[in-house]
Amino acid sequence: MAASTSSGFFAPAVRPVATVRVRGFHRRRITPEEGHALEILGHAIEYLTDEFIHGDAPITTDNPQLQATQILMACNREVYYQCPAIVSFGERWHAFFHHRAIKEPRL
């Protein structure tokens, strides 16, 4: 459970919707369709978050607005991580000098 000692605000732990293990930072090759989906999901997440902040709903694990936000965030991550990672110049350089085939970056 998380709590802020300075503000007295108590935020209960919320069960995660989906988790993705990511190692390092890799850019993604995002198609226009995937970019549009990410944009729409981002706007929906922002809208629900703004509505929640300006509303009077309690912060609980069974709050449907928070659950909807978590679902949208999980969908956003899923769309993003399905986009192929771009192999960096350093990884290609390293593979060239070690005579290895270039593999997709480990995620």
N, C-alpha and C. Protein backbone atom coordinates (compact mmCIF):
# COMPACT_ATOMS: atom_id res chain seq x y z
N MET A 1 0.84 -1.18 0.00
CA MET A 1 0.00 0.00 0.00
C MET A 1 0.87 1.23 0.00
N ALA A 2 0.40 2.23 -0.67
CA ALA A 2 1.16 3.47 -0.77
C ALA A 2 0.48 4.56 0.04
N ALA A 3 1.27 5.39 0.64
CA ALA A 3 0.74 6.51 1.40
C ALA A 3 1.74 7.64 1.38
N SER A 4 1.25 8.82 1.43
CA SER A 4 2.12 9.99 1.50
C SER A 4 2.07 10.51 2.92
N THR A 5 3.21 10.57 3.56
CA THR A 5 3.23 11.02 4.95
C THR A 5 3.05 12.52 5.07
N SER A 6 3.39 13.26 4.02
CA SER A 6 3.29 14.71 4.13
C SER A 6 1.87 15.22 3.91
N SER A 7 1.08 14.55 3.07
CA SER A 7 -0.25 15.08 2.77
C SER A 7 -1.36 14.35 3.52
N GLY A 8 -1.06 13.19 4.09
CA GLY A 8 -2.09 12.43 4.75
C GLY A 8 -2.99 11.69 3.77
N PHE A 9 -2.65 11.72 2.50
CA PHE A 9 -3.43 11.05 1.47
C PHE A 9 -3.11 9.57 1.47
N PHE A 10 -4.13 8.74 1.44
CA PHE A 10 -3.95 7.29 1.45
C PHE A 10 -4.44 6.71 0.14
N ALA A 11 -3.56 6.02 -0.57
CA ALA A 11 -3.93 5.37 -1.83
C ALA A 11 -3.77 3.87 -1.66
N PRO A 12 -4.88 3.12 -1.66
CA PRO A 12 -4.78 1.67 -1.50
C PRO A 12 -4.11 1.02 -2.70
N ALA A 13 -3.54 -0.14 -2.47
CA ALA A 13 -2.91 -0.88 -3.56
C ALA A 13 -3.98 -1.33 -4.54
N VAL A 14 -3.66 -1.26 -5.81
CA VAL A 14 -4.59 -1.65 -6.87
C VAL A 14 -3.96 -2.81 -7.62
N ARG A 15 -4.76 -3.83 -7.89
CA ARG A 15 -4.19 -4.99 -8.58
C ARG A 15 -3.89 -4.61 -10.03
N PRO A 16 -2.75 -5.06 -10.56
CA PRO A 16 -2.38 -4.71 -11.92
C PRO A 16 -3.24 -5.46 -12.94
N VAL A 17 -3.50 -4.83 -14.06
CA VAL A 17 -4.29 -5.45 -15.11
C VAL A 17 -3.39 -6.33 -15.97
N ALA A 18 -2.26 -5.82 -16.38
CA ALA A 18 -1.31 -6.58 -17.18
C ALA A 18 0.09 -6.04 -16.92
N THR A 19 1.07 -6.91 -16.98
CA THR A 19 2.43 -6.47 -16.79
C THR A 19 3.27 -6.91 -17.98
N VAL A 20 4.26 -6.10 -18.30
CA VAL A 20 5.16 -6.38 -19.40
C VAL A 20 6.56 -6.14 -18.89
N ARG A 21 7.45 -7.12 -19.08
CA ARG A 21 8.85 -6.95 -18.69
C ARG A 21 9.59 -6.29 -19.84
N VAL A 22 10.31 -5.25 -19.53
CA VAL A 22 11.04 -4.51 -20.56
C VAL A 22 12.47 -4.32 -20.08
N ARG A 23 13.41 -4.65 -20.94
CA ARG A 23 14.82 -4.40 -20.63
C ARG A 23 15.32 -3.30 -21.54
N GLY A 24 15.87 -2.29 -20.94
CA GLY A 24 16.46 -1.22 -21.73
C GLY A 24 15.42 -0.42 -22.49
N PHE A 25 15.95 0.49 -23.28
CA PHE A 25 15.08 1.36 -24.05
C PHE A 25 15.33 1.10 -25.53
N HIS A 26 14.28 0.77 -26.24
CA HIS A 26 14.37 0.59 -27.68
C HIS A 26 13.24 1.37 -28.34
N ARG A 27 13.60 2.05 -29.40
CA ARG A 27 12.57 2.74 -30.17
C ARG A 27 11.73 1.70 -30.88
N ARG A 28 10.52 2.08 -31.24
CA ARG A 28 9.60 1.16 -31.91
C ARG A 28 9.24 1.70 -33.28
N ARG A 29 9.00 0.77 -34.20
CA ARG A 29 8.51 1.13 -35.52
C ARG A 29 7.00 1.06 -35.45
N ILE A 30 6.37 2.24 -35.41
CA ILE A 30 4.92 2.33 -35.20
C ILE A 30 4.26 2.71 -36.52
N THR A 31 3.32 1.87 -36.95
CA THR A 31 2.59 2.15 -38.19
C THR A 31 1.59 3.27 -37.93
N PRO A 32 1.08 3.90 -38.98
CA PRO A 32 0.07 4.94 -38.77
C PRO A 32 -1.18 4.42 -38.03
N GLU A 33 -1.57 3.19 -38.29
CA GLU A 33 -2.74 2.63 -37.61
C GLU A 33 -2.47 2.46 -36.11
N GLU A 34 -1.28 1.94 -35.80
CA GLU A 34 -0.91 1.77 -34.39
C GLU A 34 -0.76 3.13 -33.70
N GLY A 35 -0.20 4.08 -34.42
CA GLY A 35 -0.07 5.43 -33.87
C GLY A 35 -1.42 6.05 -33.58
N HIS A 36 -2.36 5.83 -34.48
CA HIS A 36 -3.72 6.36 -34.27
C HIS A 36 -4.38 5.69 -33.07
N ALA A 37 -4.19 4.37 -32.94
CA ALA A 37 -4.74 3.65 -31.79
C ALA A 37 -4.13 4.16 -30.49
N LEU A 38 -2.81 4.37 -30.48
CA LEU A 38 -2.15 4.90 -29.28
C LEU A 38 -2.64 6.30 -28.95
N GLU A 39 -2.87 7.10 -29.97
CA GLU A 39 -3.38 8.45 -29.75
C GLU A 39 -4.78 8.42 -29.14
N ILE A 40 -5.65 7.59 -29.68
CA ILE A 40 -7.03 7.49 -29.16
C ILE A 40 -7.02 6.96 -27.73
N LEU A 41 -6.22 5.92 -27.47
CA LEU A 41 -6.14 5.39 -26.11
C LEU A 41 -5.58 6.44 -25.15
N GLY A 42 -4.57 7.18 -25.58
CA GLY A 42 -4.01 8.23 -24.73
C GLY A 42 -5.03 9.30 -24.38
N HIS A 43 -5.83 9.71 -25.35
CA HIS A 43 -6.86 10.70 -25.09
C HIS A 43 -7.92 10.15 -24.13
N ALA A 44 -8.29 8.89 -24.32
CA ALA A 44 -9.29 8.28 -23.43
C ALA A 44 -8.76 8.18 -22.00
N ILE A 45 -7.50 7.79 -21.85
CA ILE A 45 -6.88 7.71 -20.52
C ILE A 45 -6.84 9.09 -19.88
N GLU A 46 -6.43 10.08 -20.65
CA GLU A 46 -6.36 11.45 -20.14
C GLU A 46 -7.75 11.95 -19.71
N TYR A 47 -8.76 11.67 -20.53
CA TYR A 47 -10.12 12.11 -20.22
C TYR A 47 -10.61 11.47 -18.93
N LEU A 48 -10.46 10.15 -18.80
CA LEU A 48 -10.92 9.47 -17.58
C LEU A 48 -10.16 9.96 -16.35
N THR A 49 -8.87 10.19 -16.51
CA THR A 49 -8.07 10.66 -15.38
C THR A 49 -8.51 12.06 -14.95
N ASP A 50 -8.73 12.94 -15.92
CA ASP A 50 -9.21 14.28 -15.59
C ASP A 50 -10.57 14.24 -14.90
N GLU A 51 -11.48 13.42 -15.43
CA GLU A 51 -12.80 13.29 -14.82
C GLU A 51 -12.70 12.76 -13.39
N PHE A 52 -11.78 11.83 -13.17
CA PHE A 52 -11.61 11.26 -11.83
C PHE A 52 -11.06 12.32 -10.87
N ILE A 53 -10.07 13.07 -11.32
CA ILE A 53 -9.44 14.08 -10.46
C ILE A 53 -10.45 15.16 -10.07
N HIS A 54 -11.28 15.57 -11.01
CA HIS A 54 -12.24 16.65 -10.74
C HIS A 54 -13.54 16.15 -10.14
N GLY A 55 -13.70 14.84 -10.04
CA GLY A 55 -14.91 14.27 -9.45
C GLY A 55 -14.75 14.03 -7.96
N ASP A 56 -15.77 13.48 -7.37
CA ASP A 56 -15.75 13.21 -5.93
C ASP A 56 -15.69 11.72 -5.62
N ALA A 57 -15.33 10.90 -6.59
CA ALA A 57 -15.30 9.45 -6.38
C ALA A 57 -14.16 9.07 -5.44
N PRO A 58 -14.40 8.09 -4.57
CA PRO A 58 -13.34 7.65 -3.64
C PRO A 58 -12.29 6.83 -4.38
N ILE A 59 -11.08 6.82 -3.85
CA ILE A 59 -10.00 6.02 -4.43
C ILE A 59 -10.05 4.65 -3.77
N THR A 60 -10.70 3.74 -4.44
CA THR A 60 -10.79 2.37 -3.95
C THR A 60 -10.51 1.42 -5.11
N THR A 61 -10.21 0.17 -4.78
CA THR A 61 -9.89 -0.80 -5.81
C THR A 61 -11.11 -1.19 -6.64
N ASP A 62 -12.30 -0.99 -6.11
CA ASP A 62 -13.50 -1.36 -6.86
C ASP A 62 -14.14 -0.17 -7.58
N ASN A 63 -13.43 0.93 -7.71
CA ASN A 63 -13.93 2.10 -8.42
C ASN A 63 -13.91 1.79 -9.92
N PRO A 64 -15.06 1.80 -10.59
CA PRO A 64 -15.10 1.44 -12.01
C PRO A 64 -14.32 2.41 -12.90
N GLN A 65 -14.23 3.65 -12.52
CA GLN A 65 -13.49 4.63 -13.32
C GLN A 65 -11.99 4.32 -13.29
N LEU A 66 -11.48 3.96 -12.13
CA LEU A 66 -10.07 3.59 -12.03
C LEU A 66 -9.80 2.28 -12.76
N GLN A 67 -10.72 1.33 -12.65
CA GLN A 67 -10.56 0.07 -13.35
C GLN A 67 -10.56 0.28 -14.86
N ALA A 68 -11.43 1.15 -15.36
CA ALA A 68 -11.47 1.44 -16.79
C ALA A 68 -10.16 2.09 -17.23
N THR A 69 -9.63 2.98 -16.41
CA THR A 69 -8.35 3.63 -16.74
C THR A 69 -7.23 2.60 -16.80
N GLN A 70 -7.21 1.67 -15.86
CA GLN A 70 -6.19 0.62 -15.86
C GLN A 70 -6.32 -0.28 -17.08
N ILE A 71 -7.52 -0.60 -17.48
CA ILE A 71 -7.74 -1.43 -18.67
C ILE A 71 -7.23 -0.70 -19.91
N LEU A 72 -7.55 0.59 -20.03
CA LEU A 72 -7.07 1.37 -21.17
C LEU A 72 -5.55 1.47 -21.17
N MET A 73 -4.95 1.63 -20.02
CA MET A 73 -3.49 1.70 -19.93
C MET A 73 -2.85 0.37 -20.34
N ALA A 74 -3.48 -0.74 -19.94
CA ALA A 74 -2.97 -2.06 -20.33
C ALA A 74 -3.08 -2.24 -21.84
N CYS A 75 -4.18 -1.79 -22.43
CA CYS A 75 -4.35 -1.87 -23.89
C CYS A 75 -3.31 -1.01 -24.59
N ASN A 76 -3.04 0.17 -24.04
CA ASN A 76 -2.04 1.06 -24.60
C ASN A 76 -0.66 0.39 -24.61
N ARG A 77 -0.28 -0.23 -23.48
CA ARG A 77 1.00 -0.93 -23.42
C ARG A 77 1.04 -2.09 -24.40
N GLU A 78 -0.06 -2.82 -24.51
CA GLU A 78 -0.11 -3.96 -25.41
C GLU A 78 0.10 -3.54 -26.86
N VAL A 79 -0.57 -2.48 -27.28
CA VAL A 79 -0.40 -1.97 -28.66
C VAL A 79 1.04 -1.53 -28.87
N TYR A 80 1.59 -0.79 -27.91
CA TYR A 80 2.95 -0.27 -28.05
C TYR A 80 3.98 -1.39 -28.13
N TYR A 81 3.88 -2.38 -27.24
CA TYR A 81 4.89 -3.43 -27.21
C TYR A 81 4.72 -4.46 -28.32
N GLN A 82 3.61 -4.43 -29.06
CA GLN A 82 3.47 -5.28 -30.23
C GLN A 82 4.17 -4.68 -31.44
N CYS A 83 4.51 -3.42 -31.38
CA CYS A 83 5.25 -2.78 -32.47
C CYS A 83 6.68 -3.31 -32.44
N PRO A 84 7.27 -3.60 -33.60
CA PRO A 84 8.63 -4.15 -33.61
C PRO A 84 9.65 -3.13 -33.12
N ALA A 85 10.59 -3.62 -32.33
CA ALA A 85 11.66 -2.77 -31.82
C ALA A 85 12.68 -2.53 -32.93
N ILE A 86 13.27 -1.36 -32.93
CA ILE A 86 14.29 -1.00 -33.92
C ILE A 86 15.65 -1.36 -33.34
N VAL A 87 16.43 -2.12 -34.09
CA VAL A 87 17.77 -2.50 -33.65
C VAL A 87 18.67 -1.27 -33.75
N SER A 88 19.34 -0.96 -32.66
CA SER A 88 20.16 0.25 -32.63
C SER A 88 21.45 0.05 -33.44
N PHE A 89 22.08 1.17 -33.77
CA PHE A 89 23.34 1.14 -34.49
C PHE A 89 24.40 0.40 -33.68
N GLY A 90 24.44 0.65 -32.39
CA GLY A 90 25.42 -0.02 -31.52
C GLY A 90 25.24 -1.53 -31.50
N GLU A 91 23.99 -1.98 -31.48
CA GLU A 91 23.73 -3.43 -31.50
C GLU A 91 24.14 -4.03 -32.84
N ARG A 92 23.89 -3.32 -33.94
CA ARG A 92 24.32 -3.81 -35.26
C ARG A 92 25.84 -3.84 -35.36
N TRP A 93 26.49 -2.80 -34.85
CA TRP A 93 27.95 -2.72 -34.85
C TRP A 93 28.54 -3.87 -34.05
N HIS A 94 28.00 -4.10 -32.88
CA HIS A 94 28.49 -5.18 -32.02
C HIS A 94 28.29 -6.53 -32.71
N ALA A 95 27.16 -6.76 -33.32
CA ALA A 95 26.89 -8.02 -34.01
C ALA A 95 27.84 -8.21 -35.20
N PHE A 96 28.16 -7.12 -35.93
CA PHE A 96 29.05 -7.20 -37.06
C PHE A 96 30.44 -7.65 -36.64
N PHE A 97 30.97 -7.05 -35.57
CA PHE A 97 32.32 -7.39 -35.15
C PHE A 97 32.41 -8.72 -34.41
N HIS A 98 31.34 -9.21 -33.93
CA HIS A 98 31.35 -10.51 -33.25
C HIS A 98 30.77 -11.60 -34.15
N HIS A 99 30.56 -11.28 -35.42
CA HIS A 99 30.07 -12.23 -36.42
C HIS A 99 28.83 -12.96 -35.96
N ARG A 100 27.91 -12.22 -35.46
CA ARG A 100 26.63 -12.79 -35.02
C ARG A 100 25.52 -12.26 -35.90
N ALA A 101 24.47 -13.05 -35.96
CA ALA A 101 23.28 -12.57 -36.66
C ALA A 101 22.61 -11.54 -35.78
N ILE A 102 22.02 -10.54 -36.40
CA ILE A 102 21.30 -9.50 -35.65
C ILE A 102 19.97 -10.09 -35.20
N LYS A 103 19.76 -10.04 -33.91
CA LYS A 103 18.52 -10.52 -33.34
C LYS A 103 17.67 -9.31 -32.93
N GLU A 104 16.39 -9.55 -32.82
CA GLU A 104 15.51 -8.50 -32.30
C GLU A 104 15.91 -8.23 -30.87
N PRO A 105 15.90 -6.97 -30.44
CA PRO A 105 16.29 -6.63 -29.06
C PRO A 105 15.49 -7.40 -28.04
N ARG A 106 16.17 -7.77 -26.96
CA ARG A 106 15.49 -8.47 -25.86
C ARG A 106 14.58 -7.50 -25.14
N LEU A 107 13.36 -7.92 -24.90
CA LEU A 107 12.41 -7.07 -24.20
C LEU A 107 12.02 -7.68 -22.90
